[in-house]
Amino acid sequence: MFSTLAIVITLLLLIFFAYRGYSVLILAPIMATLAVLLSGDFLNSIPAYTDVFMGALSGFLLKFFPIFLLGSLFGHLMADSGAATAIDRF
């Protein structure tokens, strides 16, 4: 029961601060952490992060990091060479 109340409280805080103009990209992880701490299930949720999440994240990064790296290099090359501006003008 208290975990549901913690989620509702942190969701309301997220909405409140978002309407005040704070960045949701920064608020969301903070409010999620606060919800876990307020719910009292912090010690029970640690294995989910270390076993499931970290394994899946490392697999994702291992598969897709070369694509992200080459895409970033290609975008930088397009910007430096002026090709992006030429495409834009065309």
Protein backbone atom coordinates (compact mmCIF):
# COMPACT_ATOMS: atom_id res chain seq x y z
CA MET A 1 0.00 0.00 0.00
CA PHE A 2 2.77 2.43 0.91
CA SER A 3 4.67 1.66 -2.30
CA THR A 4 1.65 2.75 -4.35
CA LEU A 5 1.40 5.93 -2.30
CA ALA A 6 5.12 6.59 -2.85
CA ILE A 7 4.64 6.25 -6.62
CA VAL A 8 1.68 8.63 -6.60
CA ILE A 9 3.54 11.19 -4.47
CA THR A 10 6.62 11.14 -6.69
CA LEU A 11 4.48 11.33 -9.83
CA LEU A 12 2.70 14.39 -8.46
CA LEU A 13 6.06 15.94 -7.57
CA LEU A 14 7.29 15.21 -11.09
CA ILE A 15 4.26 16.93 -12.60
CA PHE A 16 4.59 19.88 -10.23
CA PHE A 17 8.27 20.48 -10.96
CA ALA A 18 7.77 19.92 -14.70
CA TYR A 19 5.12 22.65 -14.76
CA ARG A 20 7.54 24.88 -12.85
CA GLY A 21 9.99 24.55 -15.75
CA TYR A 22 12.49 22.02 -14.49
CA SER A 23 13.89 19.51 -16.97
CA VAL A 24 12.05 16.20 -17.00
CA LEU A 25 15.24 14.47 -18.13
CA ILE A 26 16.79 15.33 -14.78
CA LEU A 27 13.63 15.02 -12.69
CA ALA A 28 12.56 11.55 -13.85
CA PRO A 29 15.55 9.59 -12.49
CA ILE A 30 15.51 11.61 -9.27
CA MET A 31 11.81 10.95 -8.71
CA ALA A 32 12.20 7.26 -9.61
CA THR A 33 14.97 6.95 -7.02
CA LEU A 34 12.83 8.77 -4.47
CA ALA A 35 9.91 6.42 -5.19
CA VAL A 36 12.11 3.37 -4.59
CA LEU A 37 13.50 4.84 -1.38
CA LEU A 38 10.06 5.84 -0.07
CA SER A 39 8.49 2.48 -0.89
CA GLY A 40 10.87 0.64 1.42
CA ASP A 41 11.67 -2.03 -1.17
CA PHE A 42 15.14 -0.73 -1.89
CA LEU A 43 17.00 -3.81 -0.69
CA ASN A 44 14.66 -6.12 -2.59
CA SER A 45 15.10 -4.22 -5.87
CA ILE A 46 18.91 -4.18 -5.95
CA PRO A 47 19.23 -7.65 -7.57
CA ALA A 48 16.90 -6.57 -10.37
CA TYR A 49 19.28 -3.76 -11.29
CA THR A 50 22.51 -5.69 -10.91
CA ASP A 51 21.44 -9.00 -12.45
CA VAL A 52 18.81 -8.22 -15.07
CA PHE A 53 19.35 -4.60 -16.03
CA MET A 54 23.14 -4.53 -16.12
CA GLY A 55 23.34 -7.74 -18.14
CA ALA A 56 20.82 -6.47 -20.67
CA LEU A 57 22.49 -3.05 -20.85
CA SER A 58 25.94 -4.50 -21.44
CA GLY A 59 24.56 -6.75 -24.19
CA PHE A 60 22.85 -3.80 -25.86
CA LEU A 61 25.98 -1.64 -25.72
CA LEU A 62 28.12 -4.48 -27.03
CA LYS A 63 25.81 -4.94 -30.02
CA PHE A 64 25.06 -1.34 -30.93
CA PHE A 65 28.08 0.73 -29.80
CA PRO A 66 29.86 0.41 -33.18
CA ILE A 67 26.74 1.69 -34.95
CA PHE A 68 26.47 4.69 -32.62
CA LEU A 69 30.19 5.40 -32.92
CA LEU A 70 30.25 5.21 -36.72
CA GLY A 71 27.06 7.28 -36.97
CA SER A 72 28.61 9.95 -34.81
CA LEU A 73 31.81 9.97 -36.84
CA PHE A 74 29.84 10.14 -40.10
CA GLY A 75 27.77 13.07 -38.81
CA HIS A 76 30.90 14.90 -37.72
CA LEU A 77 32.54 14.25 -41.09
CA MET A 78 29.44 15.55 -42.91
CA ALA A 79 29.43 18.72 -40.82
CA ASP A 80 33.18 19.38 -41.15
CA SER A 81 33.33 18.75 -44.88
CA GLY A 82 30.39 21.03 -45.65
CA ALA A 83 28.37 18.20 -47.20
CA ALA A 84 25.52 18.73 -44.75
CA THR A 85 25.27 22.40 -45.74
CA ALA A 86 25.35 21.47 -49.43
CA ILE A 87 22.55 18.96 -48.96
CA ASP A 88 20.59 21.56 -47.02
CA ARG A 89 20.97 24.17 -49.75
CA PHE A 90 20.00 21.70 -52.47
